[in-house]
Amino acid sequence: MVDYFLYNERLGIPIPYFHQDWDDYSKEIQQAVLFHWEKIRGRIPDRIAELEDHINSKQALLSNEENFNKSCELNSEIAELASIINDLWLWYRTHQDISEKIHM
């Protein structure tokens, strides 16, 4: 499946990457890709929970931080983690219809 997915450092998961149009792949390849994606997709909520734990830790630090510059840095890090979570939910929801194709 290495040919059909690229690891995204920011998201922490492999995401689909195709070299040609989906319909140009054989049905067998499509089914294998869909099955692999469904396994990756199933791990997205765990990845989100991991990032939420990081956010909670940073928020705890932020609540006790008196240095303005450090507070700004923590806020920026929290915002970036929240953005990653948002993108992961988009991947999770946008490709929800793929799981329906697997079971057809």
PDB file of N, CA and C in Angstrom:
ATOM      1  N   MET A   1       0.810  -1.199   0.000  1.00  0.00           N
ATOM      2  CA  MET A   1       0.000   0.000   0.000  1.00  0.00           C
ATOM      3  C   MET A   1       0.854   1.264   0.000  1.00  0.00           C
ATOM      4  N   VAL A   2       2.161   1.089   0.042  1.00  0.00           N
ATOM      5  CA  VAL A   2       3.073   2.234   0.056  1.00  0.00           C
ATOM      6  C   VAL A   2       2.856   3.117  -1.170  1.00  0.00           C
ATOM      7  N   ASP A   3       2.450   2.514  -2.281  1.00  0.00           N
ATOM      8  CA  ASP A   3       2.246   3.277  -3.512  1.00  0.00           C
ATOM      9  C   ASP A   3       0.996   4.142  -3.480  1.00  0.00           C
ATOM     10  N   TYR A   4       0.117   3.919  -2.531  1.00  0.00           N
ATOM     11  CA  TYR A   4      -1.172   4.596  -2.522  1.00  0.00           C
ATOM     12  C   TYR A   4      -1.397   5.515  -1.327  1.00  0.00           C
ATOM     13  N   PHE A   5      -0.415   5.557  -0.428  1.00  0.00           N
ATOM     14  CA  PHE A   5      -0.533   6.393   0.767  1.00  0.00           C
ATOM     15  C   PHE A   5       0.804   7.054   1.067  1.00  0.00           C
ATOM     16  N   LEU A   6       0.735   8.283   1.547  1.00  0.00           N
ATOM     17  CA  LEU A   6       1.919   9.003   2.000  1.00  0.00           C
ATOM     18  C   LEU A   6       1.722   9.379   3.457  1.00  0.00           C
ATOM     19  N   TYR A   7       2.763   9.170   4.255  1.00  0.00           N
ATOM     20  CA  TYR A   7       2.683   9.542   5.655  1.00  0.00           C
ATOM     21  C   TYR A   7       2.723  11.057   5.772  1.00  0.00           C
ATOM     22  N   ASN A   8       1.760  11.617   6.471  1.00  0.00           N
ATOM     23  CA  ASN A   8       1.695  13.048   6.692  1.00  0.00           C
ATOM     24  C   ASN A   8       2.196  13.332   8.108  1.00  0.00           C
ATOM     25  N   GLU A   9       3.364  13.953   8.186  1.00  0.00           N
ATOM     26  CA  GLU A   9       3.981  14.232   9.493  1.00  0.00           C
ATOM     27  C   GLU A   9       3.068  15.057  10.392  1.00  0.00           C
ATOM     28  N   ARG A  10       2.438  16.065   9.819  1.00  0.00           N
ATOM     29  CA  ARG A  10       1.603  16.963  10.614  1.00  0.00           C
ATOM     30  C   ARG A  10       0.418  16.226  11.223  1.00  0.00           C
ATOM     31  N   LEU A  11      -0.241  15.406  10.426  1.00  0.00           N
ATOM     32  CA  LEU A  11      -1.423  14.693  10.901  1.00  0.00           C
ATOM     33  C   LEU A  11      -1.058  13.448  11.710  1.00  0.00           C
ATOM     34  N   GLY A  12       0.103  12.889  11.427  1.00  0.00           N
ATOM     35  CA  GLY A  12       0.524  11.683  12.129  1.00  0.00           C
ATOM     36  C   GLY A  12      -0.104  10.410  11.602  1.00  0.00           C
ATOM     37  N   ILE A  13      -0.620  10.468  10.364  1.00  0.00           N
ATOM     38  CA  ILE A  13      -1.220   9.292   9.725  1.00  0.00           C
ATOM     39  C   ILE A  13      -0.857   9.299   8.242  1.00  0.00           C
ATOM     40  N   PRO A  14      -0.913   8.126   7.615  1.00  0.00           N
ATOM     41  CA  PRO A  14      -0.792   8.106   6.155  1.00  0.00           C
ATOM     42  C   PRO A  14      -2.105   8.590   5.535  1.00  0.00           C
ATOM     43  N   ILE A  15      -2.001   9.324   4.452  1.00  0.00           N
ATOM     44  CA  ILE A  15      -3.208   9.770   3.748  1.00  0.00           C
ATOM     45  C   ILE A  15      -3.147   9.290   2.304  1.00  0.00           C
ATOM     46  N   PRO A  16      -4.295   9.115   1.664  1.00  0.00           N
ATOM     47  CA  PRO A  16      -4.315   8.624   0.285  1.00  0.00           C
ATOM     48  C   PRO A  16      -3.556   9.547  -0.663  1.00  0.00           C
ATOM     49  N   TYR A  17      -2.843   8.921  -1.581  1.00  0.00           N
ATOM     50  CA  TYR A  17      -2.101   9.651  -2.603  1.00  0.00           C
ATOM     51  C   TYR A  17      -2.106   8.781  -3.849  1.00  0.00           C
ATOM     52  N   PHE A  18      -2.744   9.269  -4.897  1.00  0.00           N
ATOM     53  CA  PHE A  18      -2.885   8.467  -6.112  1.00  0.00           C
ATOM     54  C   PHE A  18      -2.122   9.097  -7.268  1.00  0.00           C
ATOM     55  N   HIS A  19      -1.526   8.227  -8.079  1.00  0.00           N
ATOM     56  CA  HIS A  19      -0.750   8.664  -9.237  1.00  0.00           C
ATOM     57  C   HIS A  19      -1.604   8.743 -10.496  1.00  0.00           C
ATOM     58  N   GLN A  20      -2.802   8.238 -10.414  1.00  0.00           N
ATOM     59  CA  GLN A  20      -3.711   8.262 -11.557  1.00  0.00           C
ATOM     60  C   GLN A  20      -5.135   8.363 -11.048  1.00  0.00           C
ATOM     61  N   ASP A  21      -6.069   8.503 -11.959  1.00  0.00           N
ATOM     62  CA  ASP A  21      -7.470   8.585 -11.573  1.00  0.00           C
ATOM     63  C   ASP A  21      -7.917   7.287 -10.911  1.00  0.00           C
ATOM     64  N   TRP A  22      -8.782   7.429  -9.917  1.00  0.00           N
ATOM     65  CA  TRP A  22      -9.273   6.280  -9.163  1.00  0.00           C
ATOM     66  C   TRP A  22      -9.832   5.199 -10.080  1.00  0.00           C
ATOM     67  N   ASP A  23     -10.606   5.593 -11.083  1.00  0.00           N
ATOM     68  CA  ASP A  23     -11.246   4.623 -11.970  1.00  0.00           C
ATOM     69  C   ASP A  23     -10.253   3.872 -12.847  1.00  0.00           C
ATOM     70  N   ASP A  24      -9.032   4.365 -12.935  1.00  0.00           N
ATOM     71  CA  ASP A  24      -8.004   3.679 -13.724  1.00  0.00           C
ATOM     72  C   ASP A  24      -7.370   2.509 -12.978  1.00  0.00           C
ATOM     73  N   TYR A  25      -7.613   2.421 -11.687  1.00  0.00           N
ATOM     74  CA  TYR A  25      -7.102   1.297 -10.910  1.00  0.00           C
ATOM     75  C   TYR A  25      -8.050   0.107 -11.051  1.00  0.00           C
ATOM     76  N   SER A  26      -7.490  -1.092 -10.972  1.00  0.00           N
ATOM     77  CA  SER A  26      -8.324  -2.295 -11.039  1.00  0.00           C
ATOM     78  C   SER A  26      -9.221  -2.366  -9.810  1.00  0.00           C
ATOM     79  N   LYS A  27     -10.283  -3.126  -9.923  1.00  0.00           N
ATOM     80  CA  LYS A  27     -11.202  -3.301  -8.798  1.00  0.00           C
ATOM     81  C   LYS A  27     -10.480  -3.927  -7.603  1.00  0.00           C
ATOM     82  N   GLU A  28      -9.539  -4.825  -7.868  1.00  0.00           N
ATOM     83  CA  GLU A  28      -8.791  -5.464  -6.786  1.00  0.00           C
ATOM     84  C   GLU A  28      -7.945  -4.441  -6.034  1.00  0.00           C
ATOM     85  N   ILE A  29      -7.274  -3.561  -6.778  1.00  0.00           N
ATOM     86  CA  ILE A  29      -6.464  -2.509  -6.152  1.00  0.00           C
ATOM     87  C   ILE A  29      -7.375  -1.561  -5.379  1.00  0.00           C
ATOM     88  N   GLN A  30      -8.494  -1.175  -5.975  1.00  0.00           N
ATOM     89  CA  GLN A  30      -9.428  -0.285  -5.286  1.00  0.00           C
ATOM     90  C   GLN A  30      -9.887  -0.894  -3.966  1.00  0.00           C
ATOM     91  N   GLN A  31     -10.243  -2.159  -3.975  1.00  0.00           N
ATOM     92  CA  GLN A  31     -10.702  -2.814  -2.749  1.00  0.00           C
ATOM     93  C   GLN A  31      -9.593  -2.875  -1.701  1.00  0.00           C
ATOM     94  N   ALA A  32      -8.357  -3.167  -2.133  1.00  0.00           N
ATOM     95  CA  ALA A  32      -7.229  -3.227  -1.199  1.00  0.00           C
ATOM     96  C   ALA A  32      -6.952  -1.850  -0.593  1.00  0.00           C
ATOM     97  N   VAL A  33      -7.017  -0.815  -1.431  1.00  0.00           N
ATOM     98  CA  VAL A  33      -6.794   0.550  -0.953  1.00  0.00           C
ATOM     99  C   VAL A  33      -7.896   0.950   0.015  1.00  0.00           C
ATOM    100  N   LEU A  34      -9.128   0.653  -0.329  1.00  0.00           N
ATOM    101  CA  LEU A  34     -10.255   0.985   0.546  1.00  0.00           C
ATOM    102  C   LEU A  34     -10.147   0.272   1.891  1.00  0.00           C
ATOM    103  N   PHE A  35      -9.757  -0.985   1.858  1.00  0.00           N
ATOM    104  CA  PHE A  35      -9.601  -1.743   3.099  1.00  0.00           C
ATOM    105  C   PHE A  35      -8.488  -1.145   3.955  1.00  0.00           C
ATOM    106  N   HIS A  36      -7.372  -0.800   3.323  1.00  0.00           N
ATOM    107  CA  HIS A  36      -6.254  -0.200   4.051  1.00  0.00           C
ATOM    108  C   HIS A  36      -6.658   1.164   4.621  1.00  0.00           C
ATOM    109  N   TRP A  37      -7.344   1.962   3.819  1.00  0.00           N
ATOM    110  CA  TRP A  37      -7.798   3.268   4.308  1.00  0.00           C
ATOM    111  C   TRP A  37      -8.716   3.113   5.508  1.00  0.00           C
ATOM    112  N   GLU A  38      -9.581   2.118   5.467  1.00  0.00           N
ATOM    113  CA  GLU A  38     -10.518   1.929   6.571  1.00  0.00           C
ATOM    114  C   GLU A  38      -9.763   1.608   7.864  1.00  0.00           C
ATOM    115  N   LYS A  39      -8.663   0.873   7.772  1.00  0.00           N
ATOM    116  CA  LYS A  39      -7.840   0.598   8.962  1.00  0.00           C
ATOM    117  C   LYS A  39      -7.203   1.889   9.473  1.00  0.00           C
ATOM    118  N   ILE A  40      -6.704   2.713   8.566  1.00  0.00           N
ATOM    119  CA  ILE A  40      -6.104   3.999   8.961  1.00  0.00           C
ATOM    120  C   ILE A  40      -7.182   4.891   9.570  1.00  0.00           C
ATOM    121  N   ARG A  41      -8.296   4.976   8.905  1.00  0.00           N
ATOM    122  CA  ARG A  41      -9.411   5.816   9.351  1.00  0.00           C
ATOM    123  C   ARG A  41      -9.866   5.421  10.751  1.00  0.00           C
ATOM    124  N   GLY A  42      -9.831   4.135  11.056  1.00  0.00           N
ATOM    125  CA  GLY A  42     -10.230   3.648  12.369  1.00  0.00           C
ATOM    126  C   GLY A  42      -9.299   4.111  13.486  1.00  0.00           C
ATOM    127  N   ARG A  43      -8.072   4.490  13.123  1.00  0.00           N
ATOM    128  CA  ARG A  43      -7.114   4.971  14.122  1.00  0.00           C
ATOM    129  C   ARG A  43      -7.197   6.482  14.334  1.00  0.00           C
ATOM    130  N   ILE A  44      -7.932   7.185  13.482  1.00  0.00           N
ATOM    131  CA  ILE A  44      -8.009   8.644  13.595  1.00  0.00           C
ATOM    132  C   ILE A  44      -8.559   9.100  14.943  1.00  0.00           C
ATOM    133  N   PRO A  45      -9.643   8.511  15.458  1.00  0.00           N
ATOM    134  CA  PRO A  45     -10.122   8.966  16.776  1.00  0.00           C
ATOM    135  C   PRO A  45      -9.067   8.805  17.880  1.00  0.00           C
ATOM    136  N   ASP A  46      -8.259   7.759  17.816  1.00  0.00           N
ATOM    137  CA  ASP A  46      -7.187   7.584  18.803  1.00  0.00           C
ATOM    138  C   ASP A  46      -6.130   8.673  18.661  1.00  0.00           C
ATOM    139  N   ARG A  47      -5.814   9.019  17.428  1.00  0.00           N
ATOM    140  CA  ARG A  47      -4.842  10.092  17.182  1.00  0.00           C
ATOM    141  C   ARG A  47      -5.392  11.417  17.713  1.00  0.00           C
ATOM    142  N   ILE A  48      -6.676  11.660  17.511  1.00  0.00           N
ATOM    143  CA  ILE A  48      -7.307  12.882  18.012  1.00  0.00           C
ATOM    144  C   ILE A  48      -7.252  12.914  19.542  1.00  0.00           C
ATOM    145  N   ALA A  49      -7.539  11.798  20.185  1.00  0.00           N
ATOM    146  CA  ALA A  49      -7.490  11.737  21.649  1.00  0.00           C
ATOM    147  C   ALA A  49      -6.075  12.030  22.152  1.00  0.00           C
ATOM    148  N   GLU A  50      -5.081  11.521  21.447  1.00  0.00           N
ATOM    149  CA  GLU A  50      -3.684  11.795  21.803  1.00  0.00           C
ATOM    150  C   GLU A  50      -3.385  13.293  21.729  1.00  0.00           C
ATOM    151  N   LEU A  51      -3.837  13.932  20.660  1.00  0.00           N
ATOM    152  CA  LEU A  51      -3.619  15.372  20.501  1.00  0.00           C
ATOM    153  C   LEU A  51      -4.395  16.174  21.545  1.00  0.00           C
ATOM    154  N   GLU A  52      -5.588  15.719  21.885  1.00  0.00           N
ATOM    155  CA  GLU A  52      -6.369  16.390  22.925  1.00  0.00           C
ATOM    156  C   GLU A  52      -5.651  16.328  24.271  1.00  0.00           C
ATOM    157  N   ASP A  53      -4.980  15.212  24.540  1.00  0.00           N
ATOM    158  CA  ASP A  53      -4.187  15.105  25.774  1.00  0.00           C
ATOM    159  C   ASP A  53      -3.064  16.141  25.780  1.00  0.00           C
ATOM    160  N   HIS A  54      -2.424  16.327  24.615  1.00  0.00           N
ATOM    161  CA  HIS A  54      -1.368  17.344  24.506  1.00  0.00           C
ATOM    162  C   HIS A  54      -1.943  18.746  24.744  1.00  0.00           C
ATOM    163  N   ILE A  55      -3.113  19.001  24.180  1.00  0.00           N
ATOM    164  CA  ILE A  55      -3.763  20.297  24.382  1.00  0.00           C
ATOM    165  C   ILE A  55      -4.053  20.514  25.869  1.00  0.00           C
ATOM    166  N   ASN A  56      -4.595  19.508  26.520  1.00  0.00           N
ATOM    167  CA  ASN A  56      -4.918  19.631  27.945  1.00  0.00           C
ATOM    168  C   ASN A  56      -3.669  19.914  28.773  1.00  0.00           C
ATOM    169  N   SER A  57      -2.569  19.265  28.429  1.00  0.00           N
ATOM    170  CA  SER A  57      -1.305  19.508  29.145  1.00  0.00           C
ATOM    171  C   SER A  57      -0.837  20.940  28.946  1.00  0.00           C
ATOM    172  N   LYS A  58      -0.930  21.413  27.712  1.00  0.00           N
ATOM    173  CA  LYS A  58      -0.501  22.784  27.413  1.00  0.00           C
ATOM    174  C   LYS A  58      -1.425  23.813  28.061  1.00  0.00           C
ATOM    175  N   GLN A  59      -2.711  23.507  28.121  1.00  0.00           N
ATOM    176  CA  GLN A  59      -3.644  24.414  28.791  1.00  0.00           C
ATOM    177  C   GLN A  59      -3.362  24.485  30.290  1.00  0.00           C
ATOM    178  N   ALA A  60      -2.970  23.363  30.877  1.00  0.00           N
ATOM    179  CA  ALA A  60      -2.614  23.370  32.296  1.00  0.00           C
ATOM    180  C   ALA A  60      -1.379  24.227  32.523  1.00  0.00           C
ATOM    181  N   LEU A  61      -0.401  24.123  31.625  1.00  0.00           N
ATOM    182  CA  LEU A  61       0.788  24.971  31.724  1.00  0.00           C
ATOM    183  C   LEU A  61       0.413  26.440  31.549  1.00  0.00           C
ATOM    184  N   LEU A  62      -0.475  26.685  30.596  1.00  0.00           N
ATOM    185  CA  LEU A  62      -0.884  28.051  30.290  1.00  0.00           C
ATOM    186  C   LEU A  62      -1.592  28.704  31.482  1.00  0.00           C
ATOM    187  N   SER A  63      -2.373  27.934  32.197  1.00  0.00           N
ATOM    188  CA  SER A  63      -3.127  28.515  33.316  1.00  0.00           C
ATOM    189  C   SER A  63      -2.214  29.004  34.440  1.00  0.00           C
ATOM    190  N   ASN A  64      -1.000  28.485  34.492  1.00  0.00           N
ATOM    191  CA  ASN A  64      -0.046  28.895  35.531  1.00  0.00           C
ATOM    192  C   ASN A  64       1.093  29.753  34.984  1.00  0.00           C
ATOM    193  N   GLU A  65       1.055  30.051  33.705  1.00  0.00           N
ATOM    194  CA  GLU A  65       2.161  30.791  33.078  1.00  0.00           C
ATOM    195  C   GLU A  65       2.011  32.291  33.306  1.00  0.00           C
ATOM    196  N   GLU A  66       3.078  32.889  33.797  1.00  0.00           N
ATOM    197  CA  GLU A  66       3.068  34.328  34.041  1.00  0.00           C
ATOM    198  C   GLU A  66       3.848  35.102  32.986  1.00  0.00           C
ATOM    199  N   ASN A  67       4.677  34.411  32.246  1.00  0.00           N
ATOM    200  CA  ASN A  67       5.477  35.056  31.203  1.00  0.00           C
ATOM    201  C   ASN A  67       4.622  35.224  29.948  1.00  0.00           C
ATOM    202  N   PHE A  68       4.441  36.475  29.522  1.00  0.00           N
ATOM    203  CA  PHE A  68       3.569  36.752  28.380  1.00  0.00           C
ATOM    204  C   PHE A  68       4.041  36.051  27.109  1.00  0.00           C
ATOM    205  N   ASN A  69       5.336  36.108  26.837  1.00  0.00           N
ATOM    206  CA  ASN A  69       5.849  35.475  25.617  1.00  0.00           C
ATOM    207  C   ASN A  69       5.626  33.962  25.634  1.00  0.00           C
ATOM    208  N   LYS A  70       5.853  33.352  26.777  1.00  0.00           N
ATOM    209  CA  LYS A  70       5.621  31.909  26.905  1.00  0.00           C
ATOM    210  C   LYS A  70       4.134  31.602  26.755  1.00  0.00           C
ATOM    211  N   SER A  71       3.267  32.463  27.290  1.00  0.00           N
ATOM    212  CA  SER A  71       1.823  32.286  27.133  1.00  0.00           C
ATOM    213  C   SER A  71       1.426  32.326  25.660  1.00  0.00           C
ATOM    214  N   CYS A  72       2.007  33.264  24.927  1.00  0.00           N
ATOM    215  CA  CYS A  72       1.718  33.363  23.489  1.00  0.00           C
ATOM    216  C   CYS A  72       2.188  32.113  22.753  1.00  0.00           C
ATOM    217  N   GLU A  73       3.344  31.620  23.152  1.00  0.00           N
ATOM    218  CA  GLU A  73       3.885  30.409  22.541  1.00  0.00           C
ATOM    219  C   GLU A  73       2.972  29.209  22.809  1.00  0.00           C
ATOM    220  N   LEU A  74       2.528  29.064  24.046  1.00  0.00           N
ATOM    221  CA  LEU A  74       1.625  27.966  24.391  1.00  0.00           C
ATOM    222  C   LEU A  74       0.295  28.086  23.642  1.00  0.00           C
ATOM    223  N   ASN A  75      -0.232  29.305  23.550  1.00  0.00           N
ATOM    224  CA  ASN A  75      -1.475  29.517  22.795  1.00  0.00           C
ATOM    225  C   ASN A  75      -1.311  29.124  21.339  1.00  0.00           C
ATOM    226  N   SER A  76      -0.173  29.467  20.774  1.00  0.00           N
ATOM    227  CA  SER A  76       0.104  29.115  19.383  1.00  0.00           C
ATOM    228  C   SER A  76       0.182  27.599  19.205  1.00  0.00           C
ATOM    229  N   GLU A  77       0.833  26.931  20.131  1.00  0.00           N
ATOM    230  CA  GLU A  77       0.937  25.475  20.066  1.00  0.00           C
ATOM    231  C   GLU A  77      -0.431  24.816  20.216  1.00  0.00           C
ATOM    232  N   ILE A  78      -1.242  25.343  21.114  1.00  0.00           N
ATOM    233  CA  ILE A  78      -2.598  24.820  21.295  1.00  0.00           C
ATOM    234  C   ILE A  78      -3.416  25.015  20.019  1.00  0.00           C
ATOM    235  N   ALA A  79      -3.298  26.176  19.415  1.00  0.00           N
ATOM    236  CA  ALA A  79      -4.038  26.455  18.171  1.00  0.00           C
ATOM    237  C   ALA A  79      -3.605  25.506  17.060  1.00  0.00           C
ATOM    238  N   GLU A  80      -2.312  25.228  16.968  1.00  0.00           N
ATOM    239  CA  GLU A  80      -1.826  24.301  15.936  1.00  0.00           C
ATOM    240  C   GLU A  80      -2.354  22.891  16.177  1.00  0.00           C
ATOM    241  N   LEU A  81      -2.339  22.444  17.414  1.00  0.00           N
ATOM    242  CA  LEU A  81      -2.883  21.125  17.727  1.00  0.00           C
ATOM    243  C   LEU A  81      -4.376  21.060  17.413  1.00  0.00           C
ATOM    244  N   ALA A  82      -5.098  22.111  17.732  1.00  0.00           N
ATOM    245  CA  ALA A  82      -6.537  22.156  17.418  1.00  0.00           C
ATOM    246  C   ALA A  82      -6.765  22.120  15.908  1.00  0.00           C
ATOM    247  N   SER A  83      -5.896  22.785  15.158  1.00  0.00           N
ATOM    248  CA  SER A  83      -5.997  22.766  13.698  1.00  0.00           C
ATOM    249  C   SER A  83      -5.758  21.362  13.146  1.00  0.00           C
ATOM    250  N   ILE A  84      -4.805  20.659  13.718  1.00  0.00           N
ATOM    251  CA  ILE A  84      -4.532  19.279  13.297  1.00  0.00           C
ATOM    252  C   ILE A  84      -5.748  18.398  13.580  1.00  0.00           C
ATOM    253  N   ILE A  85      -6.332  18.575  14.762  1.00  0.00           N
ATOM    254  CA  ILE A  85      -7.528  17.806  15.115  1.00  0.00           C
ATOM    255  C   ILE A  85      -8.646  18.079  14.121  1.00  0.00           C
ATOM    256  N   ASN A  86      -8.840  19.338  13.776  1.00  0.00           N
ATOM    257  CA  ASN A  86      -9.865  19.697  12.802  1.00  0.00           C
ATOM    258  C   ASN A  86      -9.608  19.003  11.464  1.00  0.00           C
ATOM    259  N   ASP A  87      -8.367  19.029  11.005  1.00  0.00           N
ATOM    260  CA  ASP A  87      -8.027  18.379   9.732  1.00  0.00           C
ATOM    261  C   ASP A  87      -8.245  16.868   9.800  1.00  0.00           C
ATOM    262  N   LEU A  88      -7.904  16.268  10.929  1.00  0.00           N
ATOM    263  CA  LEU A  88      -8.134  14.831  11.079  1.00  0.00           C
ATOM    264  C   LEU A  88      -9.624  14.506  11.027  1.00  0.00           C
ATOM    265  N   TRP A  89     -10.459  15.314  11.677  1.00  0.00           N
ATOM    266  CA  TRP A  89     -11.908  15.085  11.608  1.00  0.00           C
ATOM    267  C   TRP A  89     -12.408  15.237  10.172  1.00  0.00           C
ATOM    268  N   LEU A  90     -11.832  16.194   9.444  1.00  0.00           N
ATOM    269  CA  LEU A  90     -12.236  16.348   8.041  1.00  0.00           C
ATOM    270  C   LEU A  90     -11.902  15.095   7.235  1.00  0.00           C
ATOM    271  N   TRP A  91     -10.704  14.564   7.422  1.00  0.00           N
ATOM    272  CA  TRP A  91     -10.336  13.319   6.741  1.00  0.00           C
ATOM    273  C   TRP A  91     -11.258  12.185   7.165  1.00  0.00           C
ATOM    274  N   TYR A  92     -11.557  12.121   8.429  1.00  0.00           N
ATOM    275  CA  TYR A  92     -12.407  11.056   8.947  1.00  0.00           C
ATOM    276  C   TYR A  92     -13.812  11.129   8.354  1.00  0.00           C
ATOM    277  N   ARG A  93     -14.384  12.322   8.343  1.00  0.00           N
ATOM    278  CA  ARG A  93     -15.765  12.486   7.869  1.00  0.00           C
ATOM    279  C   ARG A  93     -15.873  12.514   6.353  1.00  0.00           C
ATOM    280  N   THR A  94     -14.934  13.169   5.708  1.00  0.00           N
ATOM    281  CA  THR A  94     -14.998  13.308   4.261  1.00  0.00           C
ATOM    282  C   THR A  94     -14.958  11.953   3.578  1.00  0.00           C
ATOM    283  N   HIS A  95     -14.211  11.058   4.140  1.00  0.00           N
ATOM    284  CA  HIS A  95     -14.033   9.758   3.506  1.00  0.00           C
ATOM    285  C   HIS A  95     -14.854   8.665   4.175  1.00  0.00           C
ATOM    286  N   GLN A  96     -15.875   9.069   4.900  1.00  0.00           N
ATOM    287  CA  GLN A  96     -16.755   8.114   5.556  1.00  0.00           C
ATOM    288  C   GLN A  96     -17.498   7.271   4.525  1.00  0.00           C
ATOM    289  N   ASP A  97     -17.800   7.860   3.386  1.00  0.00           N
ATOM    290  CA  ASP A  97     -18.515   7.132   2.339  1.00  0.00           C
ATOM    291  C   ASP A  97     -17.671   6.010   1.756  1.00  0.00           C
ATOM    292  N   ILE A  98     -16.364   6.083   1.928  1.00  0.00           N
ATOM    293  CA  ILE A  98     -15.493   5.021   1.420  1.00  0.00           C
ATOM    294  C   ILE A  98     -15.815   3.702   2.119  1.00  0.00           C
ATOM    295  N   SER A  99     -16.077   3.768   3.416  1.00  0.00           N
ATOM    296  CA  SER A  99     -16.364   2.532   4.149  1.00  0.00           C
ATOM    297  C   SER A  99     -17.632   1.869   3.614  1.00  0.00           C
ATOM    298  N   GLU A 100     -18.566   2.654   3.115  1.00  0.00           N
ATOM    299  CA  GLU A 100     -19.773   2.084   2.544  1.00  0.00           C
ATOM    300  C   GLU A 100     -19.443   1.300   1.279  1.00  0.00           C
ATOM    301  N   LYS A 101     -18.459   1.771   0.502  1.00  0.00           N
ATOM    302  CA  LYS A 101     -18.077   1.077  -0.719  1.00  0.00           C
ATOM    303  C   LYS A 101     -17.449  -0.277  -0.402  1.00  0.00           C
ATOM    304  N   ILE A 102     -16.732  -0.363   0.707  1.00  0.00           N
ATOM    305  CA  ILE A 102     -16.083  -1.610   1.080  1.00  0.00           C
ATOM    306  C   ILE A 102     -17.126  -2.696   1.337  1.00  0.00           C
ATOM    307  N   HIS A 103     -18.236  -2.317   1.921  1.00  0.00           N
ATOM    308  CA  HIS A 103     -19.238  -3.280   2.327  1.00  0.00           C
ATOM    309  C   HIS A 103     -20.292  -3.557   1.238  1.00  0.00           C
ATOM    310  N   MET A 104     -20.109  -2.975   0.076  1.00  0.00           N
ATOM    311  CA  MET A 104     -21.066  -3.210  -1.019  1.00  0.00           C
ATOM    312  C   MET A 104     -20.741  -4.497  -1.753  1.00  0.00           C
TER     313      MET A 104
END
